Amino acid sequence: MFPSTFAETDPFRTRVVYDPSVGRLQIVVDAFSEDADVDAAADSNRVHIRIDRDGEVYDRTIASPRGRRFTDDREAVFNNGILTVSLETVRRSSRNRIRWRIDP
């Protein structure tokens, strides 16, 4: 079983699942209406989702999993009132890390 987070964010049910075996984060939000105004944006560190449905607003930012960053392999689909966002993750690079090798 993979780690997941279920958030009852009335009136929008939300599920966030990170699958480390394939390196993907999936976010599913039930807006209950095809008429909702939906906006999803992501950078390498976070995903921002905003849904406006008849004056009810869902506004949430979800961070990348610890030690991971998002790649450009991203997809967001809004179909039948369900928003599904899927993002690939990779390990963060340690640009400033210095490796030492000491030979005896």
N, C-alpha and C. Protein backbone atom coordinates (compact mmCIF):
# COMPACT_ATOMS: atom_id res chain seq x y z
N MET A 1 0.84 -1.18 0.00
CA MET A 1 0.00 0.00 0.00
C MET A 1 0.89 1.24 0.00
N PHE A 2 0.55 2.22 -0.80
CA PHE A 2 1.36 3.41 -0.93
C PHE A 2 0.84 4.50 0.00
N PRO A 3 1.72 5.37 0.48
CA PRO A 3 1.28 6.45 1.35
C PRO A 3 0.33 7.36 0.62
N SER A 4 -0.72 7.74 1.29
CA SER A 4 -1.67 8.66 0.68
C SER A 4 -2.25 9.56 1.76
N THR A 5 -2.79 10.65 1.33
CA THR A 5 -3.42 11.58 2.24
C THR A 5 -4.82 11.85 1.74
N PHE A 6 -5.78 11.69 2.60
CA PHE A 6 -7.16 12.02 2.27
C PHE A 6 -7.52 13.26 3.05
N ALA A 7 -7.98 14.27 2.37
CA ALA A 7 -8.34 15.52 3.03
C ALA A 7 -9.79 15.83 2.72
N GLU A 8 -10.60 15.85 3.74
CA GLU A 8 -11.99 16.27 3.55
C GLU A 8 -12.01 17.78 3.64
N THR A 9 -11.93 18.43 2.51
CA THR A 9 -11.92 19.88 2.45
C THR A 9 -13.27 20.30 1.90
N ASP A 10 -14.23 20.38 2.80
CA ASP A 10 -15.60 20.69 2.38
C ASP A 10 -15.60 21.94 1.54
N PRO A 11 -16.28 21.95 0.49
CA PRO A 11 -17.08 20.87 -0.09
C PRO A 11 -16.34 20.06 -1.16
N PHE A 12 -15.01 20.10 -1.18
CA PHE A 12 -14.24 19.43 -2.22
C PHE A 12 -13.46 18.26 -1.63
N ARG A 13 -13.84 17.06 -1.95
CA ARG A 13 -13.07 15.89 -1.48
C ARG A 13 -11.78 15.79 -2.26
N THR A 14 -10.68 15.52 -1.56
CA THR A 14 -9.35 15.52 -2.16
C THR A 14 -8.58 14.27 -1.75
N ARG A 15 -7.84 13.71 -2.70
CA ARG A 15 -6.94 12.59 -2.41
C ARG A 15 -5.58 12.91 -3.00
N VAL A 16 -4.52 12.74 -2.20
CA VAL A 16 -3.15 12.96 -2.65
C VAL A 16 -2.40 11.66 -2.40
N VAL A 17 -1.82 11.10 -3.47
CA VAL A 17 -1.10 9.83 -3.36
C VAL A 17 0.26 9.97 -4.02
N TYR A 18 1.31 9.59 -3.29
CA TYR A 18 2.65 9.54 -3.86
C TYR A 18 3.05 8.08 -3.96
N ASP A 19 3.42 7.65 -5.16
CA ASP A 19 3.86 6.27 -5.41
C ASP A 19 5.36 6.29 -5.69
N PRO A 20 6.18 5.95 -4.69
CA PRO A 20 7.64 6.03 -4.89
C PRO A 20 8.16 5.02 -5.89
N SER A 21 7.44 3.92 -6.12
CA SER A 21 7.94 2.91 -7.06
C SER A 21 7.95 3.41 -8.50
N VAL A 22 7.09 4.36 -8.83
CA VAL A 22 7.07 4.94 -10.17
C VAL A 22 7.43 6.43 -10.16
N GLY A 23 7.64 6.98 -8.97
CA GLY A 23 8.05 8.39 -8.86
C GLY A 23 7.00 9.36 -9.34
N ARG A 24 5.73 9.13 -8.95
CA ARG A 24 4.65 10.02 -9.36
C ARG A 24 3.80 10.44 -8.18
N LEU A 25 3.36 11.69 -8.22
CA LEU A 25 2.40 12.20 -7.26
C LEU A 25 1.09 12.42 -8.01
N GLN A 26 -0.01 11.93 -7.44
CA GLN A 26 -1.31 12.12 -8.07
C GLN A 26 -2.24 12.81 -7.08
N ILE A 27 -2.92 13.84 -7.57
CA ILE A 27 -3.87 14.60 -6.78
C ILE A 27 -5.21 14.51 -7.48
N VAL A 28 -6.24 14.13 -6.74
CA VAL A 28 -7.59 14.04 -7.30
C VAL A 28 -8.51 14.89 -6.44
N VAL A 29 -9.24 15.82 -7.09
CA VAL A 29 -10.17 16.70 -6.39
C VAL A 29 -11.53 16.55 -7.04
N ASP A 30 -12.55 16.30 -6.21
CA ASP A 30 -13.92 16.17 -6.70
C ASP A 30 -14.62 17.51 -6.57
N ALA A 31 -14.84 18.18 -7.70
CA ALA A 31 -15.50 19.48 -7.71
C ALA A 31 -17.01 19.35 -7.84
N PHE A 32 -17.51 18.16 -8.11
CA PHE A 32 -18.94 17.84 -8.21
C PHE A 32 -19.66 18.55 -9.34
N SER A 33 -18.97 19.31 -10.14
CA SER A 33 -19.64 20.07 -11.19
C SER A 33 -18.69 20.30 -12.36
N GLU A 34 -19.23 20.10 -13.55
CA GLU A 34 -18.43 20.38 -14.74
C GLU A 34 -18.35 21.88 -15.01
N ASP A 35 -19.18 22.66 -14.33
CA ASP A 35 -19.22 24.11 -14.56
C ASP A 35 -18.24 24.87 -13.69
N ALA A 36 -17.42 24.20 -12.92
CA ALA A 36 -16.46 24.88 -12.04
C ALA A 36 -15.36 25.54 -12.86
N ASP A 37 -14.82 26.61 -12.31
CA ASP A 37 -13.67 27.29 -12.91
C ASP A 37 -12.43 26.70 -12.24
N VAL A 38 -11.58 26.04 -13.03
CA VAL A 38 -10.46 25.28 -12.49
C VAL A 38 -9.13 25.85 -13.00
N ASP A 39 -8.17 25.98 -12.07
CA ASP A 39 -6.83 26.43 -12.42
C ASP A 39 -5.83 25.56 -11.67
N ALA A 40 -4.88 24.98 -12.39
CA ALA A 40 -3.81 24.18 -11.78
C ALA A 40 -2.49 24.64 -12.36
N ALA A 41 -1.52 24.89 -11.48
CA ALA A 41 -0.19 25.33 -11.90
C ALA A 41 0.85 24.64 -11.02
N ALA A 42 2.02 24.37 -11.59
CA ALA A 42 3.07 23.70 -10.83
C ALA A 42 4.43 24.25 -11.21
N ASP A 43 5.31 24.27 -10.22
CA ASP A 43 6.73 24.52 -10.50
C ASP A 43 7.47 23.29 -9.98
N SER A 44 8.76 23.37 -9.80
CA SER A 44 9.51 22.18 -9.40
C SER A 44 9.29 21.80 -7.94
N ASN A 45 8.69 22.69 -7.15
CA ASN A 45 8.53 22.44 -5.72
C ASN A 45 7.11 22.29 -5.23
N ARG A 46 6.14 22.79 -5.96
CA ARG A 46 4.76 22.77 -5.46
C ARG A 46 3.74 22.84 -6.59
N VAL A 47 2.53 22.40 -6.22
CA VAL A 47 1.38 22.46 -7.13
C VAL A 47 0.34 23.36 -6.47
N HIS A 48 -0.21 24.28 -7.24
CA HIS A 48 -1.27 25.14 -6.73
C HIS A 48 -2.55 24.83 -7.50
N ILE A 49 -3.61 24.54 -6.77
CA ILE A 49 -4.91 24.23 -7.38
C ILE A 49 -5.94 25.20 -6.83
N ARG A 50 -6.73 25.77 -7.75
CA ARG A 50 -7.82 26.66 -7.35
C ARG A 50 -9.06 26.26 -8.14
N ILE A 51 -10.14 26.03 -7.41
CA ILE A 51 -11.42 25.69 -8.03
C ILE A 51 -12.47 26.62 -7.46
N ASP A 52 -13.22 27.25 -8.35
CA ASP A 52 -14.32 28.12 -7.94
C ASP A 52 -15.61 27.53 -8.50
N ARG A 53 -16.50 27.16 -7.60
CA ARG A 53 -17.76 26.56 -8.02
C ARG A 53 -18.89 27.26 -7.28
N ASP A 54 -19.65 28.04 -8.00
CA ASP A 54 -20.82 28.72 -7.43
C ASP A 54 -20.48 29.48 -6.15
N GLY A 55 -19.33 30.17 -6.14
CA GLY A 55 -18.96 30.97 -4.98
C GLY A 55 -18.18 30.21 -3.92
N GLU A 56 -18.12 28.90 -4.00
CA GLU A 56 -17.32 28.12 -3.07
C GLU A 56 -15.94 27.95 -3.69
N VAL A 57 -14.89 28.27 -2.93
CA VAL A 57 -13.54 28.27 -3.48
C VAL A 57 -12.68 27.23 -2.76
N TYR A 58 -11.99 26.44 -3.56
CA TYR A 58 -10.98 25.51 -3.08
C TYR A 58 -9.66 26.09 -3.54
N ASP A 59 -8.78 26.38 -2.60
CA ASP A 59 -7.49 26.98 -2.93
C ASP A 59 -6.44 26.26 -2.09
N ARG A 60 -5.60 25.47 -2.74
CA ARG A 60 -4.66 24.64 -1.99
C ARG A 60 -3.33 24.56 -2.72
N THR A 61 -2.24 24.57 -1.94
CA THR A 61 -0.90 24.37 -2.46
C THR A 61 -0.35 23.09 -1.83
N ILE A 62 0.18 22.21 -2.68
CA ILE A 62 0.70 20.92 -2.23
C ILE A 62 2.19 20.87 -2.61
N ALA A 63 3.02 20.60 -1.61
CA ALA A 63 4.47 20.56 -1.83
C ALA A 63 4.88 19.22 -2.42
N SER A 64 6.02 19.24 -3.11
CA SER A 64 6.58 17.99 -3.64
C SER A 64 6.98 17.10 -2.45
N PRO A 65 7.03 15.79 -2.65
CA PRO A 65 7.44 14.89 -1.56
C PRO A 65 8.85 15.24 -1.08
N ARG A 66 9.11 14.94 0.16
CA ARG A 66 10.41 15.26 0.78
C ARG A 66 11.57 14.66 -0.02
N GLY A 67 12.55 15.50 -0.33
CA GLY A 67 13.74 15.06 -1.05
C GLY A 67 13.52 14.88 -2.55
N ARG A 68 12.34 15.27 -3.05
CA ARG A 68 12.00 15.11 -4.46
C ARG A 68 11.63 16.48 -5.04
N ARG A 69 11.67 16.56 -6.36
CA ARG A 69 11.18 17.74 -7.06
C ARG A 69 10.36 17.27 -8.25
N PHE A 70 9.50 18.14 -8.75
CA PHE A 70 8.68 17.80 -9.91
C PHE A 70 9.45 18.05 -11.19
N THR A 71 9.23 17.20 -12.19
CA THR A 71 9.83 17.39 -13.51
C THR A 71 8.81 18.07 -14.41
N ASP A 72 9.13 18.19 -15.69
CA ASP A 72 8.20 18.77 -16.66
C ASP A 72 7.16 17.76 -17.13
N ASP A 73 7.25 16.52 -16.68
CA ASP A 73 6.26 15.50 -17.04
C ASP A 73 5.06 15.66 -16.10
N ARG A 74 4.10 16.49 -16.54
CA ARG A 74 2.94 16.86 -15.73
C ARG A 74 1.69 16.78 -16.59
N GLU A 75 0.59 16.45 -15.93
CA GLU A 75 -0.68 16.40 -16.65
C GLU A 75 -1.80 16.77 -15.69
N ALA A 76 -2.74 17.58 -16.16
CA ALA A 76 -3.94 17.92 -15.40
C ALA A 76 -5.14 17.73 -16.31
N VAL A 77 -6.13 16.98 -15.83
CA VAL A 77 -7.33 16.70 -16.61
C VAL A 77 -8.54 16.99 -15.74
N PHE A 78 -9.49 17.74 -16.27
CA PHE A 78 -10.75 18.02 -15.59
C PHE A 78 -11.86 17.39 -16.41
N ASN A 79 -12.48 16.34 -15.88
CA ASN A 79 -13.48 15.59 -16.63
C ASN A 79 -14.62 15.19 -15.68
N ASN A 80 -15.84 15.50 -16.08
CA ASN A 80 -17.03 15.14 -15.29
C ASN A 80 -16.95 15.60 -13.85
N GLY A 81 -16.39 16.78 -13.62
CA GLY A 81 -16.33 17.34 -12.28
C GLY A 81 -15.18 16.83 -11.43
N ILE A 82 -14.28 16.04 -11.99
CA ILE A 82 -13.13 15.50 -11.26
C ILE A 82 -11.85 16.07 -11.86
N LEU A 83 -11.03 16.69 -11.02
CA LEU A 83 -9.71 17.18 -11.46
C LEU A 83 -8.68 16.15 -11.03
N THR A 84 -7.89 15.68 -12.00
CA THR A 84 -6.80 14.75 -11.72
C THR A 84 -5.50 15.39 -12.18
N VAL A 85 -4.55 15.53 -11.26
CA VAL A 85 -3.25 16.10 -11.56
C VAL A 85 -2.21 15.01 -11.28
N SER A 86 -1.35 14.76 -12.26
CA SER A 86 -0.31 13.74 -12.11
C SER A 86 1.04 14.37 -12.45
N LEU A 87 2.02 14.17 -11.57
CA LEU A 87 3.34 14.78 -11.75
C LEU A 87 4.43 13.76 -11.49
N GLU A 88 5.45 13.78 -12.36
CA GLU A 88 6.62 12.93 -12.15
C GLU A 88 7.54 13.61 -11.14
N THR A 89 8.19 12.81 -10.29
CA THR A 89 9.16 13.34 -9.34
C THR A 89 10.51 12.68 -9.55
N VAL A 90 11.57 13.43 -9.23
CA VAL A 90 12.93 12.89 -9.24
C VAL A 90 13.61 13.38 -7.98
N ARG A 91 14.68 12.71 -7.62
CA ARG A 91 15.46 13.09 -6.44
C ARG A 91 16.07 14.47 -6.66
N ARG A 92 16.05 15.27 -5.62
CA ARG A 92 16.68 16.60 -5.69
C ARG A 92 18.19 16.42 -5.80
N SER A 93 18.82 17.24 -6.60
CA SER A 93 20.28 17.17 -6.71
C SER A 93 20.91 17.94 -5.57
N SER A 94 22.06 17.52 -5.20
CA SER A 94 22.83 18.20 -4.15
C SER A 94 23.99 18.92 -4.83
N ARG A 95 23.70 20.05 -5.39
CA ARG A 95 24.70 20.79 -6.16
C ARG A 95 25.88 21.23 -5.30
N ASN A 96 25.63 21.55 -4.07
CA ASN A 96 26.69 22.09 -3.22
C ASN A 96 27.40 21.02 -2.39
N ARG A 97 27.01 19.80 -2.57
CA ARG A 97 27.62 18.75 -1.77
C ARG A 97 29.00 18.41 -2.34
N ILE A 98 29.98 18.35 -1.46
CA ILE A 98 31.34 18.01 -1.86
C ILE A 98 31.62 16.60 -1.40
N ARG A 99 32.12 15.79 -2.30
CA ARG A 99 32.46 14.42 -1.96
C ARG A 99 33.97 14.32 -1.81
N TRP A 100 34.39 13.68 -0.75
CA TRP A 100 35.80 13.49 -0.48
C TRP A 100 36.12 12.02 -0.56
N ARG A 101 37.23 11.76 -1.14
CA ARG A 101 37.74 10.40 -1.17
C ARG A 101 39.16 10.44 -0.64
N ILE A 102 39.37 9.68 0.39
CA ILE A 102 40.71 9.65 0.98
C ILE A 102 41.29 8.28 0.76
N ASP A 103 42.39 8.22 0.04
CA ASP A 103 43.07 6.95 -0.19
C ASP A 103 44.11 6.74 0.90
N PRO A 104 44.14 5.54 1.47
CA PRO A 104 45.13 5.27 2.52
C PRO A 104 46.55 5.23 1.97
